PDB file of all heavy atoms in Angstrom:
ATOM      1  N   MET A   1      86.669  84.234  87.584  1.00  0.00           N
ATOM      2  CA  MET A   1      86.213  85.580  87.976  1.00  0.00           C
ATOM      3  C   MET A   1      84.736  85.538  88.358  1.00  0.00           C
ATOM      4  O   MET A   1      83.909  84.987  87.631  1.00  0.00           O
ATOM      5  CB  MET A   1      86.434  86.563  86.831  1.00  0.00           C
ATOM      6  CG  MET A   1      86.064  88.000  87.146  1.00  0.00           C
ATOM      7  SD  MET A   1      86.448  89.099  85.776  1.00  0.00           S
ATOM      8  CE  MET A   1      85.822  90.647  86.426  1.00  0.00           C
ATOM      9  N   ALA A   2      84.408  86.105  89.501  1.00  0.00           N
ATOM     10  CA  ALA A   2      83.029  86.088  89.992  1.00  0.00           C
ATOM     11  C   ALA A   2      82.118  86.931  89.107  1.00  0.00           C
ATOM     12  O   ALA A   2      82.500  87.990  88.611  1.00  0.00           O
ATOM     13  CB  ALA A   2      82.988  86.604  91.422  1.00  0.00           C
ATOM     14  N   VAL A   3      80.905  86.432  88.921  1.00  0.00           N
ATOM     15  CA  VAL A   3      79.881  87.133  88.155  1.00  0.00           C
ATOM     16  C   VAL A   3      78.822  87.639  89.121  1.00  0.00           C
ATOM     17  O   VAL A   3      78.447  86.945  90.070  1.00  0.00           O
ATOM     18  CB  VAL A   3      79.237  86.187  87.113  1.00  0.00           C
ATOM     19  CG1 VAL A   3      78.084  86.875  86.397  1.00  0.00           C
ATOM     20  CG2 VAL A   3      80.269  85.719  86.115  1.00  0.00           C
ATOM     21  N   THR A   4      78.331  88.837  88.894  1.00  0.00           N
ATOM     22  CA  THR A   4      77.301  89.402  89.756  1.00  0.00           C
ATOM     23  C   THR A   4      75.928  89.322  89.095  1.00  0.00           C
ATOM     24  O   THR A   4      75.811  89.138  87.878  1.00  0.00           O
ATOM     25  CB  THR A   4      77.601  90.871  90.091  1.00  0.00           C
ATOM     26  OG1 THR A   4      77.527  91.647  88.879  1.00  0.00           O
ATOM     27  CG2 THR A   4      78.987  91.019  90.714  1.00  0.00           C
ATOM     28  N   ALA A   5      74.899  89.490  89.907  1.00  0.00           N
ATOM     29  CA  ALA A   5      73.530  89.496  89.397  1.00  0.00           C
ATOM     30  C   ALA A   5      73.334  90.637  88.401  1.00  0.00           C
ATOM     31  O   ALA A   5      72.616  90.491  87.403  1.00  0.00           O
ATOM     32  CB  ALA A   5      72.546  89.627  90.553  1.00  0.00           C
ATOM     33  N   GLY A   6      73.998  91.763  88.644  1.00  0.00           N
ATOM     34  CA  GLY A   6      73.885  92.900  87.740  1.00  0.00           C
ATOM     35  C   GLY A   6      74.399  92.586  86.345  1.00  0.00           C
ATOM     36  O   GLY A   6      73.810  93.004  85.333  1.00  0.00           O
ATOM     37  N   GLU A   7      75.483  91.811  86.274  1.00  0.00           N
ATOM     38  CA  GLU A   7      76.032  91.430  84.966  1.00  0.00           C
ATOM     39  C   GLU A   7      75.094  90.483  84.236  1.00  0.00           C
ATOM     40  O   GLU A   7      74.926  90.582  83.005  1.00  0.00           O
ATOM     41  CB  GLU A   7      77.405  90.788  85.159  1.00  0.00           C
ATOM     42  CG  GLU A   7      78.479  91.761  85.628  1.00  0.00           C
ATOM     43  CD  GLU A   7      79.784  91.075  85.970  1.00  0.00           C
ATOM     44  OE1 GLU A   7      79.788  90.223  86.885  1.00  0.00           O
ATOM     45  OE2 GLU A   7      80.795  91.390  85.317  1.00  0.00           O
ATOM     46  N   VAL A   8      74.488  89.568  84.958  1.00  0.00           N
ATOM     47  CA  VAL A   8      73.530  88.647  84.347  1.00  0.00           C
ATOM     48  C   VAL A   8      72.329  89.423  83.806  1.00  0.00           C
ATOM     49  O   VAL A   8      71.861  89.179  82.685  1.00  0.00           O
ATOM     50  CB  VAL A   8      73.056  87.583  85.358  1.00  0.00           C
ATOM     51  CG1 VAL A   8      71.938  86.726  84.768  1.00  0.00           C
ATOM     52  CG2 VAL A   8      74.217  86.703  85.785  1.00  0.00           C
ATOM     53  N   MET A   9      71.834  90.368  84.574  1.00  0.00           N
ATOM     54  CA  MET A   9      70.668  91.151  84.147  1.00  0.00           C
ATOM     55  C   MET A   9      70.982  92.019  82.943  1.00  0.00           C
ATOM     56  O   MET A   9      70.126  92.238  82.077  1.00  0.00           O
ATOM     57  CB  MET A   9      70.139  91.982  85.315  1.00  0.00           C
ATOM     58  CG  MET A   9      69.503  91.130  86.401  1.00  0.00           C
ATOM     59  SD  MET A   9      68.663  92.074  87.694  1.00  0.00           S
ATOM     60  CE  MET A   9      70.062  92.771  88.587  1.00  0.00           C
ATOM     61  N   LEU A  10      72.206  92.510  82.852  1.00  0.00           N
ATOM     62  CA  LEU A  10      72.610  93.281  81.676  1.00  0.00           C
ATOM     63  C   LEU A  10      72.584  92.392  80.435  1.00  0.00           C
ATOM     64  O   LEU A  10      72.121  92.806  79.366  1.00  0.00           O
ATOM     65  CB  LEU A  10      74.009  93.866  81.889  1.00  0.00           C
ATOM     66  CG  LEU A  10      74.579  94.705  80.731  1.00  0.00           C
ATOM     67  CD1 LEU A  10      73.691  95.916  80.440  1.00  0.00           C
ATOM     68  CD2 LEU A  10      76.001  95.163  81.057  1.00  0.00           C
ATOM     69  N   ASP A  11      73.065  91.159  80.578  1.00  0.00           N
ATOM     70  CA  ASP A  11      73.001  90.201  79.475  1.00  0.00           C
ATOM     71  C   ASP A  11      71.552  89.947  79.072  1.00  0.00           C
ATOM     72  O   ASP A  11      71.224  89.877  77.877  1.00  0.00           O
ATOM     73  CB  ASP A  11      73.642  88.873  79.877  1.00  0.00           C
ATOM     74  CG  ASP A  11      75.143  88.975  80.093  1.00  0.00           C
ATOM     75  OD1 ASP A  11      75.756  89.939  79.606  1.00  0.00           O
ATOM     76  OD2 ASP A  11      75.700  88.075  80.754  1.00  0.00           O
ATOM     77  N   SER A  12      70.691  89.790  80.065  1.00  0.00           N
ATOM     78  CA  SER A  12      69.277  89.509  79.792  1.00  0.00           C
ATOM     79  C   SER A  12      68.618  90.666  79.050  1.00  0.00           C
ATOM     80  O   SER A  12      67.828  90.456  78.120  1.00  0.00           O
ATOM     81  CB  SER A  12      68.530  89.244  81.103  1.00  0.00           C
ATOM     82  OG  SER A  12      69.069  88.127  81.772  1.00  0.00           O
ATOM     83  N   ALA A  13      68.936  91.875  79.462  1.00  0.00           N
ATOM     84  CA  ALA A  13      68.379  93.050  78.772  1.00  0.00           C
ATOM     85  C   ALA A  13      68.808  93.067  77.310  1.00  0.00           C
ATOM     86  O   ALA A  13      68.026  93.419  76.422  1.00  0.00           O
ATOM     87  CB  ALA A  13      68.831  94.328  79.480  1.00  0.00           C
ATOM     88  N   GLY A  14      70.055  92.683  77.053  1.00  0.00           N
ATOM     89  CA  GLY A  14      70.529  92.606  75.670  1.00  0.00           C
ATOM     90  C   GLY A  14      69.742  91.588  74.861  1.00  0.00           C
ATOM     91  O   GLY A  14      69.400  91.831  73.695  1.00  0.00           O
ATOM     92  N   LEU A  15      69.436  90.453  75.461  1.00  0.00           N
ATOM     93  CA  LEU A  15      68.640  89.429  74.782  1.00  0.00           C
ATOM     94  C   LEU A  15      67.224  89.927  74.500  1.00  0.00           C
ATOM     95  O   LEU A  15      66.560  89.441  73.579  1.00  0.00           O
ATOM     96  CB  LEU A  15      68.580  88.164  75.640  1.00  0.00           C
ATOM     97  CG  LEU A  15      69.893  87.403  75.815  1.00  0.00           C
ATOM     98  CD1 LEU A  15      69.746  86.322  76.891  1.00  0.00           C
ATOM     99  CD2 LEU A  15      70.340  86.773  74.495  1.00  0.00           C
ATOM    100  N   LEU A  16      66.774  90.875  75.298  1.00  0.00           N
ATOM    101  CA  LEU A  16      65.440  91.466  75.124  1.00  0.00           C
ATOM    102  C   LEU A  16      65.488  92.723  74.254  1.00  0.00           C
ATOM    103  O   LEU A  16      64.546  93.518  74.240  1.00  0.00           O
ATOM    104  CB  LEU A  16      64.849  91.793  76.493  1.00  0.00           C
ATOM    105  CG  LEU A  16      64.564  90.581  77.394  1.00  0.00           C
ATOM    106  CD1 LEU A  16      64.292  91.009  78.826  1.00  0.00           C
ATOM    107  CD2 LEU A  16      63.416  89.762  76.840  1.00  0.00           C
ATOM    108  N   ASN A  17      66.591  92.879  73.532  1.00  0.00           N
ATOM    109  CA  ASN A  17      66.789  94.011  72.617  1.00  0.00           C
ATOM    110  C   ASN A  17      66.748  95.354  73.340  1.00  0.00           C
ATOM    111  O   ASN A  17      66.249  96.356  72.823  1.00  0.00           O
ATOM    112  CB  ASN A  17      65.737  93.989  71.489  1.00  0.00           C
ATOM    113  CG  ASN A  17      66.144  94.823  70.280  1.00  0.00           C
ATOM    114  OD1 ASN A  17      67.338  94.973  70.007  1.00  0.00           O
ATOM    115  ND2 ASN A  17      65.173  95.387  69.572  1.00  0.00           N
ATOM    116  N   ASP A  18      67.280  95.370  74.558  1.00  0.00           N
ATOM    117  CA  ASP A  18      67.343  96.598  75.351  1.00  0.00           C
ATOM    118  C   ASP A  18      68.705  96.673  76.050  1.00  0.00           C
ATOM    119  O   ASP A  18      68.782  96.693  77.284  1.00  0.00           O
ATOM    120  CB  ASP A  18      66.204  96.614  76.376  1.00  0.00           C
ATOM    121  CG  ASP A  18      66.125  97.920  77.152  1.00  0.00           C
ATOM    122  OD1 ASP A  18      66.682  98.938  76.673  1.00  0.00           O
ATOM    123  OD2 ASP A  18      65.532  97.918  78.255  1.00  0.00           O
ATOM    124  N   PRO A  19      69.802  96.692  75.261  1.00  0.00           N
ATOM    125  CA  PRO A  19      71.142  96.646  75.867  1.00  0.00           C
ATOM    126  C   PRO A  19      71.462  97.825  76.778  1.00  0.00           C
ATOM    127  O   PRO A  19      72.298  97.700  77.677  1.00  0.00           O
ATOM    128  CB  PRO A  19      72.071  96.611  74.648  1.00  0.00           C
ATOM    129  CG  PRO A  19      71.271  97.204  73.532  1.00  0.00           C
ATOM    130  CD  PRO A  19      69.857  96.784  73.793  1.00  0.00           C
ATOM    131  N   SER A  20      70.798  98.958  76.567  1.00  0.00           N
ATOM    132  CA  SER A  20      71.042 100.120  77.429  1.00  0.00           C
ATOM    133  C   SER A  20      70.158 100.100  78.664  1.00  0.00           C
ATOM    134  O   SER A  20      70.232 100.997  79.504  1.00  0.00           O
ATOM    135  CB  SER A  20      70.809 101.418  76.640  1.00  0.00           C
ATOM    136  OG  SER A  20      69.468 101.489  76.193  1.00  0.00           O
ATOM    137  N   GLN A  21      69.322  99.095  78.768  1.00  0.00           N
ATOM    138  CA  GLN A  21      68.409  98.903  79.901  1.00  0.00           C
ATOM    139  C   GLN A  21      67.492 100.111  80.115  1.00  0.00           C
ATOM    140  O   GLN A  21      67.275 100.575  81.221  1.00  0.00           O
ATOM    141  CB  GLN A  21      69.179  98.588  81.182  1.00  0.00           C
ATOM    142  CG  GLN A  21      69.864  97.219  81.158  1.00  0.00           C
ATOM    143  CD  GLN A  21      70.422  96.814  82.512  1.00  0.00           C
ATOM    144  OE1 GLN A  21      71.513  97.219  82.870  1.00  0.00           O
ATOM    145  NE2 GLN A  21      69.665  96.005  83.248  1.00  0.00           N
ATOM    146  N   THR A  22      66.931 100.581  79.008  1.00  0.00           N
ATOM    147  CA  THR A  22      65.970 101.685  79.081  1.00  0.00           C
ATOM    148  C   THR A  22      64.654 101.240  79.702  1.00  0.00           C
ATOM    149  O   THR A  22      64.097 101.908  80.581  1.00  0.00           O
ATOM    150  CB  THR A  22      65.708 102.249  77.669  1.00  0.00           C
ATOM    151  OG1 THR A  22      66.941 102.673  77.089  1.00  0.00           O
ATOM    152  CG2 THR A  22      64.745 103.433  77.731  1.00  0.00           C
ATOM    153  N   SER A  23      64.176 100.077  79.254  1.00  0.00           N
ATOM    154  CA  SER A  23      62.923  99.539  79.780  1.00  0.00           C
ATOM    155  C   SER A  23      63.176  98.449  80.817  1.00  0.00           C
ATOM    156  O   SER A  23      62.558  98.427  81.884  1.00  0.00           O
ATOM    157  CB  SER A  23      62.070  98.965  78.641  1.00  0.00           C
ATOM    158  OG  SER A  23      61.742  99.970  77.699  1.00  0.00           O
ATOM    159  N   TYR A  24      64.108  97.547  80.484  1.00  0.00           N
ATOM    160  CA  TYR A  24      64.408  96.444  81.385  1.00  0.00           C
ATOM    161  C   TYR A  24      65.567  96.816  82.307  1.00  0.00           C
ATOM    162  O   TYR A  24      66.693  96.348  82.164  1.00  0.00           O
ATOM    163  CB  TYR A  24      64.720  95.180  80.573  1.00  0.00           C
ATOM    164  CG  TYR A  24      63.522  94.639  79.834  1.00  0.00           C
ATOM    165  CD1 TYR A  24      63.365  94.872  78.466  1.00  0.00           C
ATOM    166  CD2 TYR A  24      62.531  93.921  80.500  1.00  0.00           C
ATOM    167  CE1 TYR A  24      62.258  94.391  77.784  1.00  0.00           C
ATOM    168  CE2 TYR A  24      61.416  93.442  79.828  1.00  0.00           C
ATOM    169  CZ  TYR A  24      61.280  93.673  78.471  1.00  0.00           C
ATOM    170  OH  TYR A  24      60.179  93.199  77.799  1.00  0.00           O
ATOM    171  N   THR A  25      65.247  97.704  83.226  1.00  0.00           N
ATOM    172  CA  THR A  25      66.240  98.171  84.184  1.00  0.00           C
ATOM    173  C   THR A  25      66.552  97.087  85.218  1.00  0.00           C
ATOM    174  O   THR A  25      65.850  96.072  85.306  1.00  0.00           O
ATOM    175  CB  THR A  25      65.732  99.419  84.914  1.00  0.00           C
ATOM    176  OG1 THR A  25      64.560  99.057  85.665  1.00  0.00           O
ATOM    177  CG2 THR A  25      65.361 100.529  83.925  1.00  0.00           C
TER     178      THR A  25
END
């Protein structure tokens, strides 16, 4: 299944303790 850049960035925001992407949009 193809992965998009948006999915990767969502993972990254979670690693930065911002899973809702409030700051790391």
